[in-house]
C-alpha atoms as a PDB file:
ATOM      1  CA  MET A   1       0.012   0.024   0.006  1.00  0.00           C
ATOM      2  CA  ARG A   2       1.183   3.579  -0.687  1.00  0.00           C
ATOM      3  CA  ARG A   3       0.065   7.084   0.141  1.00  0.00           C
ATOM      4  CA  SER A   4       1.332  10.354  -1.367  1.00  0.00           C
ATOM      5  CA  LYS A   5       1.218  14.183  -0.882  1.00  0.00           C
ATOM      6  CA  TRP A   6       3.194  17.336  -1.685  1.00  0.00           C
ATOM      7  CA  LEU A   7       4.696  19.770   0.748  1.00  0.00           C
ATOM      8  CA  LEU A   8       5.641  23.370  -0.051  1.00  0.00           C
ATOM      9  CA  PRO A   9       8.174  25.292   2.019  1.00  0.00           C
ATOM     10  CA  GLY A  10       6.769  26.434   5.333  1.00  0.00           C
ATOM     11  CA  LEU A  11       3.152  25.547   6.253  1.00  0.00           C
ATOM     12  CA  ALA A  12       1.837  25.475   2.658  1.00  0.00           C
ATOM     13  CA  LEU A  13       0.765  21.982   1.732  1.00  0.00           C
ATOM     14  CA  GLY A  14      -0.972  20.578  -1.306  1.00  0.00           C
ATOM     15  CA  VAL A  15      -1.966  17.305  -2.872  1.00  0.00           C
ATOM     16  CA  ALA A  16      -0.323  16.276  -6.158  1.00  0.00           C
ATOM     17  CA  GLY A  17      -2.603  17.209  -9.090  1.00  0.00           C
ATOM     18  CA  ALA A  18      -4.784  19.522  -6.992  1.00  0.00           C
ATOM     19  CA  ALA A  19      -4.767  23.143  -5.931  1.00  0.00           C
ATOM     20  CA  THR A  20      -2.381  24.085  -3.150  1.00  0.00           C
ATOM     21  CA  LEU A  21      -3.897  24.149   0.265  1.00  0.00           C
ATOM     22  CA  VAL A  22      -2.197  26.617   2.633  1.00  0.00           C
ATOM     23  CA  GLY A  23      -1.961  26.160   6.401  1.00  0.00           C
ATOM     24  CA  MET A  24      -3.408  22.651   6.505  1.00  0.00           C
ATOM     25  CA  LYS A  25      -1.888  19.346   7.523  1.00  0.00           C
ATOM     26  CA  LEU A  26      -2.876  16.661   5.015  1.00  0.00           C
ATOM     27  CA  HIS A  27      -2.965  12.960   5.362  1.00  0.00           C
ATOM     28  CA  ALA A  28      -4.111   9.875   3.468  1.00  0.00           C
ATOM     29  CA  ALA A  29      -5.925   7.050   5.276  1.00  0.00           C
ATOM     30  CA  ASP A  30      -6.957   3.453   4.469  1.00  0.00           C
ATOM     31  CA  HIS A  31      -8.348   1.016   6.980  1.00  0.00           C
ATOM     32  CA  ALA A  32     -10.136  -1.633   4.761  1.00  0.00           C
ATOM     33  CA  GLU A  33      -8.163  -3.917   2.539  1.00  0.00           C
ATOM     34  CA  ALA A  34      -8.325  -6.869   0.160  1.00  0.00           C
ATOM     35  CA  PRO A  35      -7.977 -10.325   1.716  1.00  0.00           C
ATOM     36  CA  GLY A  36      -4.302 -10.706   0.727  1.00  0.00           C
ATOM     37  CA  VAL A  37      -3.336  -7.528   2.565  1.00  0.00           C
ATOM     38  CA  VAL A  38      -5.479  -8.393   5.577  1.00  0.00           C
ATOM     39  CA  ALA A  39      -3.535 -11.588   5.847  1.00  0.00           C
ATOM     40  CA  ALA A  40      -0.332  -9.533   6.446  1.00  0.00           C
ATOM     41  CA  PRO A  41      -1.377  -6.819   8.907  1.00  0.00           C
ATOM     42  CA  ASP A  42       2.164  -6.117  10.031  1.00  0.00           C
ATOM     43  CA  ALA A  43       2.727  -4.566   6.548  1.00  0.00           C
ATOM     44  CA  ASP A  44      -0.697  -2.943   6.051  1.00  0.00           C
ATOM     45  CA  ILE A  45      -0.479   0.885   5.956  1.00  0.00           C
ATOM     46  CA  THR A  46      -3.409   2.732   7.528  1.00  0.00           C
ATOM     47  CA  ASP A  47      -2.155   6.322   7.431  1.00  0.00           C
ATOM     48  CA  LEU A  48       0.630   8.499   6.185  1.00  0.00           C
ATOM     49  CA  PHE A  49       1.085  12.031   7.689  1.00  0.00           C
ATOM     50  CA  ALA A  50       3.565  14.730   6.589  1.00  0.00           C
ATOM     51  CA  TRP A  51       4.039  18.414   7.548  1.00  0.00           C
ATOM     52  CA  MET A  52       6.825  20.921   8.097  1.00  0.00           C
ATOM     53  CA  SER A  53       7.855  22.810  11.195  1.00  0.00           C
ATOM     54  CA  PRO A  54       6.688  26.465  11.274  1.00  0.00           C
ATOM     55  CA  ASP A  55      10.092  27.717  10.283  1.00  0.00           C
ATOM     56  CA  ALA A  56      10.324  25.117   7.442  1.00  0.00           C
ATOM     57  CA  SER A  57      13.555  23.732   8.771  1.00  0.00           C
ATOM     58  CA  LYS A  58      12.288  20.260   9.602  1.00  0.00           C
ATOM     59  CA  VAL A  59      10.045  17.695   8.023  1.00  0.00           C
ATOM     60  CA  ASP A  60       7.825  15.537  10.218  1.00  0.00           C
ATOM     61  CA  LEU A  61       6.748  12.121   8.873  1.00  0.00           C
ATOM     62  CA  VAL A  62       4.450   9.576  10.383  1.00  0.00           C
ATOM     63  CA  LEU A  63       3.646   6.168   9.030  1.00  0.00           C
ATOM     64  CA  ASP A  64       0.945   4.047  10.743  1.00  0.00           C
ATOM     65  CA  TRP A  65       0.148   0.435   9.981  1.00  0.00           C
ATOM     66  CA  PHE A  66      -1.459  -2.758  11.401  1.00  0.00           C
ATOM     67  CA  PRO A  67      -5.118  -1.729  11.879  1.00  0.00           C
ATOM     68  CA  ASN A  68      -6.525  -2.677  15.330  1.00  0.00           C
ATOM     69  CA  ALA A  69      -3.161  -3.962  16.413  1.00  0.00           C
ATOM     70  CA  PRO A  70      -3.154  -6.042  19.660  1.00  0.00           C
ATOM     71  CA  THR A  71      -1.112  -4.386  22.338  1.00  0.00           C
ATOM     72  CA  THR A  72       0.956  -7.539  22.416  1.00  0.00           C
ATOM     73  CA  SER A  73       1.753  -7.439  18.699  1.00  0.00           C
ATOM     74  CA  LYS A  74       5.400  -7.219  17.721  1.00  0.00           C
ATOM     75  CA  LEU A  75       7.068  -4.714  15.444  1.00  0.00           C
ATOM     76  CA  ALA A  76       7.880  -7.008  12.493  1.00  0.00           C
ATOM     77  CA  ALA A  77      11.497  -7.723  11.675  1.00  0.00           C
ATOM     78  CA  ASN A  78      10.598  -9.107   8.221  1.00  0.00           C
ATOM     79  CA  VAL A  79       9.237  -5.745   6.891  1.00  0.00           C
ATOM     80  CA  LEU A  80      10.979  -2.692   5.516  1.00  0.00           C
ATOM     81  CA  PHE A  81       9.045   0.567   6.050  1.00  0.00           C
ATOM     82  CA  VAL A  82       9.989   3.195   3.444  1.00  0.00           C
ATOM     83  CA  PHE A  83       9.176   6.920   3.139  1.00  0.00           C
ATOM     84  CA  HIS A  84       9.856   7.981  -0.459  1.00  0.00           C
ATOM     85  CA  VAL A  85      10.619  11.729  -0.398  1.00  0.00           C
ATOM     86  CA  ASN A  86      10.801  13.417  -3.832  1.00  0.00           C
ATOM     87  CA  SER A  87      12.221  16.859  -4.051  1.00  0.00           C
ATOM     88  CA  LYS A  88      12.034  19.380  -6.934  1.00  0.00           C
ATOM     89  CA  ALA A  89      12.666  23.005  -7.711  1.00  0.00           C
ATOM     90  CA  THR A  90       9.097  24.149  -8.288  1.00  0.00           C
ATOM     91  CA  PHE A  91       5.660  22.659  -7.881  1.00  0.00           C
ATOM     92  CA  ALA A  92       5.280  22.431 -11.651  1.00  0.00           C
ATOM     93  CA  ALA A  93       8.579  20.782 -12.344  1.00  0.00           C
ATOM     94  CA  THR A  94       8.324  17.437 -14.029  1.00  0.00           C
ATOM     95  CA  THR A  95      11.493  15.856 -12.625  1.00  0.00           C
ATOM     96  CA  ALA A  96      12.315  15.146  -9.067  1.00  0.00           C
ATOM     97  CA  THR A  97      15.092  13.657  -6.933  1.00  0.00           C
ATOM     98  CA  GLU A  98      14.102  10.903  -4.559  1.00  0.00           C
ATOM     99  CA  THR A  99      15.522  10.355  -1.064  1.00  0.00           C
ATOM    100  CA  THR A 100      14.399   7.140   0.611  1.00  0.00           C
ATOM    101  CA  VAL A 101      14.038   6.940   4.350  1.00  0.00           C
ATOM    102  CA  ILE A 102      14.191   3.168   5.164  1.00  0.00           C
ATOM    103  CA  CYS A 103      13.183   1.879   8.607  1.00  0.00           C
ATOM    104  CA  SER A 104      13.325  -1.623   9.997  1.00  0.00           C
ATOM    105  CA  PHE A 105      13.141  -3.522  13.272  1.00  0.00           C
ATOM    106  CA  ASP A 106      15.367  -6.271  14.603  1.00  0.00           C
ATOM    107  CA  ALA A 107      14.232  -9.340  16.562  1.00  0.00           C
ATOM    108  CA  ALA A 108      14.285  -7.311  19.748  1.00  0.00           C
ATOM    109  CA  GLU A 109      11.983  -4.647  18.113  1.00  0.00           C
ATOM    110  CA  ALA A 110      14.769  -2.031  18.061  1.00  0.00           C
ATOM    111  CA  LEU A 111      14.319   0.549  15.389  1.00  0.00           C
ATOM    112  CA  SER A 112      16.855   1.582  12.707  1.00  0.00           C
ATOM    113  CA  CYS A 113      16.255   4.320  10.096  1.00  0.00           C
ATOM    114  CA  TRP A 114      18.535   5.413   7.278  1.00  0.00           C
ATOM    115  CA  VAL A 115      17.870   8.856   5.670  1.00  0.00           C
ATOM    116  CA  GLY A 116      19.379   8.206   2.256  1.00  0.00           C
ATOM    117  CA  THR A 117      23.111   7.796   2.836  1.00  0.00           C
ATOM    118  CA  ALA A 118      23.288  11.020   4.829  1.00  0.00           C
ATOM    119  CA  ASP A 119      22.180  10.043   8.342  1.00  0.00           C
ATOM    120  CA  TYR A 120      21.154   7.101  10.521  1.00  0.00           C
ATOM    121  CA  VAL A 121      19.268   6.673  13.855  1.00  0.00           C
ATOM    122  CA  THR A 122      18.784   3.490  15.897  1.00  0.00           C
ATOM    123  CA  GLY A 123      17.584   2.484  19.320  1.00  0.00           C
ATOM    124  CA  ALA A 124      14.874   0.790  21.410  1.00  0.00           C
ATOM    125  CA  LYS A 125      11.116   1.142  20.722  1.00  0.00           C
ATOM    126  CA  ASN A 126       8.933   3.543  22.782  1.00  0.00           C
ATOM    127  CA  LYS A 127      11.797   5.960  23.155  1.00  0.00           C
ATOM    128  CA  THR A 128      12.652   9.256  21.462  1.00  0.00           C
ATOM    129  CA  LEU A 129      15.851   8.561  19.497  1.00  0.00           C
ATOM    130  CA  THR A 130      18.326  11.077  18.105  1.00  0.00           C
ATOM    131  CA  SER A 131      21.003  10.537  15.470  1.00  0.00           C
ATOM    132  CA  THR A 132      24.634  11.444  16.167  1.00  0.00           C
ATOM    133  CA  SER A 133      24.334  14.576  14.062  1.00  0.00           C
ATOM    134  CA  GLY A 134      21.151  15.617  15.803  1.00  0.00           C
ATOM    135  CA  LYS A 135      19.419  16.049  12.394  1.00  0.00           C
ATOM    136  CA  VAL A 136      17.075  13.061  12.771  1.00  0.00           C
ATOM    137  CA  LYS A 137      14.737  12.104  15.579  1.00  0.00           C
ATOM    138  CA  ALA A 138      12.593   8.942  15.648  1.00  0.00           C
ATOM    139  CA  PHE A 139      10.072   7.091  17.667  1.00  0.00           C
ATOM    140  CA  ALA A 140       8.433   3.749  17.124  1.00  0.00           C
ATOM    141  CA  GLY A 141       5.823   1.760  19.062  1.00  0.00           C
ATOM    142  CA  ILE A 142       2.098   1.071  19.435  1.00  0.00           C
ATOM    143  CA  LYS A 143      -0.221   4.044  19.845  1.00  0.00           C
ATOM    144  CA  ASP A 144      -3.993   4.864  19.694  1.00  0.00           C
ATOM    145  CA  ASP A 145      -5.256   4.939  16.119  1.00  0.00           C
ATOM    146  CA  PRO A 146      -5.466   8.703  15.256  1.00  0.00           C
ATOM    147  CA  PHE A 147      -8.150   8.274  12.519  1.00  0.00           C
ATOM    148  CA  PHE A 148     -11.774   9.149  13.275  1.00  0.00           C
ATOM    149  CA  ILE A 149     -14.826   7.868  11.389  1.00  0.00           C
ATOM    150  CA  ASN A 150     -18.494   7.820  12.254  1.00  0.00           C
ATOM    151  CA  LEU A 151     -19.484   4.723  10.325  1.00  0.00           C
ATOM    152  CA  ALA A 152     -23.165   4.963  11.055  1.00  0.00           C
ATOM    153  CA  GLY A 153     -23.206   8.573   9.795  1.00  0.00           C
ATOM    154  CA  VAL A 154     -21.265   7.678   6.677  1.00  0.00           C
ATOM    155  CA  GLY A 155     -23.613   4.768   6.009  1.00  0.00           C
ATOM    156  CA  GLY A 156     -26.569   7.188   6.300  1.00  0.00           C
ATOM    157  CA  VAL A 157     -25.051   9.537   3.797  1.00  0.00           C
ATOM    158  CA  ILE A 158     -24.446   6.693   1.315  1.00  0.00           C
ATOM    159  CA  ALA A 159     -28.037   5.504   1.671  1.00  0.00           C
ATOM    160  CA  THR A 160     -29.368   9.041   1.144  1.00  0.00           C
ATOM    161  CA  VAL A 161     -27.177   9.711  -1.913  1.00  0.00           C
ATOM    162  CA  THR A 162     -28.146   6.337  -3.435  1.00  0.00           C
ATOM    163  CA  ALA A 163     -31.862   6.986  -2.852  1.00  0.00           C
ATOM    164  CA  THR A 164     -31.916  10.550  -4.245  1.00  0.00           C
ATOM    165  CA  ASP A 165     -29.268  10.498  -7.053  1.00  0.00           C
ATOM    166  CA  SER A 166     -31.717   9.514  -9.785  1.00  0.00           C
ATOM    167  CA  SER A 167     -33.946  12.471  -9.048  1.00  0.00           C
ATOM    168  CA  LEU A 168     -31.175  15.051  -9.044  1.00  0.00           C
ATOM    169  CA  ALA A 169     -29.838  17.202 -11.936  1.00  0.00           C
ATOM    170  CA  HIS A 170     -26.202  16.485 -12.850  1.00  0.00           C
ATOM    171  CA  ASP A 171     -23.587  18.689 -14.498  1.00  0.00           C
ATOM    172  CA  VAL A 172     -21.442  17.644 -17.442  1.00  0.00           C
ATOM    173  CA  ALA A 173     -18.937  15.928 -15.082  1.00  0.00           C
ATOM    174  CA  GLY A 174     -21.780  13.882 -13.556  1.00  0.00           C
ATOM    175  CA  CYS A 175     -21.815  15.720 -10.241  1.00  0.00           C
ATOM    176  CA  PRO A 176     -25.308  16.176  -8.797  1.00  0.00           C
ATOM    177  CA  THR A 177     -26.803  19.545  -7.897  1.00  0.00           C
ATOM    178  CA  VAL A 178     -27.947  18.981  -4.272  1.00  0.00           C
ATOM    179  CA  ASP A 179     -30.751  21.190  -2.888  1.00  0.00           C
ATOM    180  CA  THR A 180     -30.541  22.832   0.460  1.00  0.00           C
ATOM    181  CA  GLY A 181     -32.742  20.256   2.173  1.00  0.00           C
ATOM    182  CA  THR A 182     -30.753  17.291   0.968  1.00  0.00           C
ATOM    183  CA  SER A 183     -27.492  19.004   1.827  1.00  0.00           C
ATOM    184  CA  THR A 184     -28.748  19.658   5.377  1.00  0.00           C
ATOM    185  CA  THR A 185     -29.776  16.027   5.724  1.00  0.00           C
ATOM    186  CA  LEU A 186     -26.399  14.862   4.663  1.00  0.00           C
ATOM    187  CA  VAL A 187     -24.526  17.149   7.047  1.00  0.00           C
ATOM    188  CA  ASN A 188     -26.818  16.063   9.914  1.00  0.00           C
ATOM    189  CA  GLN A 189     -26.240  12.409   9.127  1.00  0.00           C
ATOM    190  CA  LEU A 190     -22.539  12.902   9.325  1.00  0.00           C
ATOM    191  CA  LYS A 191     -22.991  14.358  12.798  1.00  0.00           C
ATOM    192  CA  THR A 192     -25.143  11.535  14.211  1.00  0.00           C
ATOM    193  CA  GLY A 193     -24.865   7.824  14.857  1.00  0.00           C
ATOM    194  CA  ALA A 194     -27.323   4.977  14.377  1.00  0.00           C
ATOM    195  CA  ALA A 195     -31.018   5.921  14.898  1.00  0.00           C
ATOM    196  CA  GLY A 196     -30.070   9.518  15.663  1.00  0.00           C
ATOM    197  CA  ALA A 197     -27.670   8.673  18.551  1.00  0.00           C
ATOM    198  CA  PRO A 198     -24.553  10.811  19.065  1.00  0.00           C
ATOM    199  CA  ALA A 199     -21.728  10.115  16.643  1.00  0.00           C
ATOM    200  CA  THR A 200     -19.216   7.554  17.668  1.00  0.00           C
ATOM    201  CA  ASN A 201     -15.678   6.891  16.470  1.00  0.00           C
ATOM    202  CA  ALA A 202     -15.429   3.416  14.990  1.00  0.00           C
ATOM    203  CA  PHE A 203     -11.755   3.362  15.709  1.00  0.00           C
ATOM    204  CA  ALA A 204     -11.990   4.440  19.363  1.00  0.00           C
ATOM    205  CA  GLY A 205      -9.797   2.252  21.564  1.00  0.00           C
ATOM    206  CA  GLN A 206      -8.057   0.640  18.611  1.00  0.00           C
ATOM    207  CA  LYS A 207      -4.238   0.665  18.342  1.00  0.00           C
ATOM    208  CA  ILE A 208      -1.835   0.967  15.423  1.00  0.00           C
ATOM    209  CA  GLN A 209       1.894   0.485  15.076  1.00  0.00           C
ATOM    210  CA  THR A 210       3.692   3.648  14.156  1.00  0.00           C
ATOM    211  CA  ILE A 211       7.032   5.213  13.181  1.00  0.00           C
ATOM    212  CA  VAL A 212       7.383   9.009  13.806  1.00  0.00           C
ATOM    213  CA  LEU A 213      10.311  10.969  12.296  1.00  0.00           C
ATOM    214  CA  GLU A 214      11.549  14.579  12.509  1.00  0.00           C
ATOM    215  CA  ILE A 215      14.234  15.157   9.821  1.00  0.00           C
ATOM    216  CA  ASP A 216      16.265  18.272   9.084  1.00  0.00           C
ATOM    217  CA  LYS A 217      14.889  19.401   5.712  1.00  0.00           C
ATOM    218  CA  SER A 218      18.476  19.854   4.318  1.00  0.00           C
ATOM    219  CA  LEU A 219      18.719  16.076   4.161  1.00  0.00           C
ATOM    220  CA  LEU A 220      15.735  15.799   1.900  1.00  0.00           C
ATOM    221  CA  THR A 221      16.000  18.685  -0.565  1.00  0.00           C
ATOM    222  CA  GLY A 222      18.611  17.463  -3.045  1.00  0.00           C
ATOM    223  CA  GLY A 223      16.290  18.370  -5.982  1.00  0.00           C
ATOM    224  CA  GLY A 224      14.791  21.533  -4.579  1.00  0.00           C
ATOM    225  CA  PRO A 225      12.567  22.872  -1.776  1.00  0.00           C
ATOM    226  CA  ILE A 226       9.275  21.284  -2.902  1.00  0.00           C
ATOM    227  CA  LEU A 227       8.830  17.856  -1.294  1.00  0.00           C
ATOM    228  CA  GLY A 228       6.508  14.990  -2.263  1.00  0.00           C
ATOM    229  CA  VAL A 229       6.016  12.018   0.040  1.00  0.00           C
ATOM    230  CA  TRP A 230       4.640   8.523  -0.377  1.00  0.00           C
ATOM    231  CA  ALA A 231       5.229   5.404   1.662  1.00  0.00           C
ATOM    232  CA  SER A 232       5.535   1.662   1.057  1.00  0.00           C
ATOM    233  CA  THR A 233       6.029  -1.476   3.019  1.00  0.00           C
ATOM    234  CA  ASN A 234       8.228  -4.204   1.611  1.00  0.00           C
ATOM    235  CA  GLN A 235       8.610  -7.831   2.802  1.00  0.00           C
ATOM    236  CA  ARG A 236      12.213  -8.866   3.289  1.00  0.00           C
ATOM    237  CA  GLY A 237      13.472 -11.780   1.231  1.00  0.00           C
END
């Protein structure tokens, strides 16, 4: 599984192929998979987060995987966790330079991360680790799932859209024109749970495995100040 996004210098963030969004932290999420991926939860990515520090000197990267991980689950030694960071001179540039940040665990669940060939950090899980240069900080362990979804509300929205779509006018792109009443119904459904009960988070109490990194931006900008990020998991052997 992979997730991607683009980061502009400072707090300006955008999604590749879309308009730039300023002052927002973006992430991609995925918690439902095909059977083959479900069978290997220790390599199943749920979320990728990326943002810059306010002074644009550091890049923060978070990779979450293993949906609903048991608190007794182990950080897998047979998987490589990779952040692919592409850098380019301008947002519109068609070529980029990739720096890979490769992280892995040993049999004792100790974390090791290589930032290209420039820096390296290693140490025990559940601790804040710092590289010798001080340019990379890392953490790995099991944490609460940060994603929120009100499944009952989403289900209600899907049902309403399915029931009303055929009666709505559509533009040339196929998007429906929703009247005020339907729009209000959809918004209210997203705010409530089953049978009008308060909204509840379907992931409340669930855990994920995570790697959190803070990296000096100078280690990632070989191709320019605009950064694009996607992640992958790779089985060893």
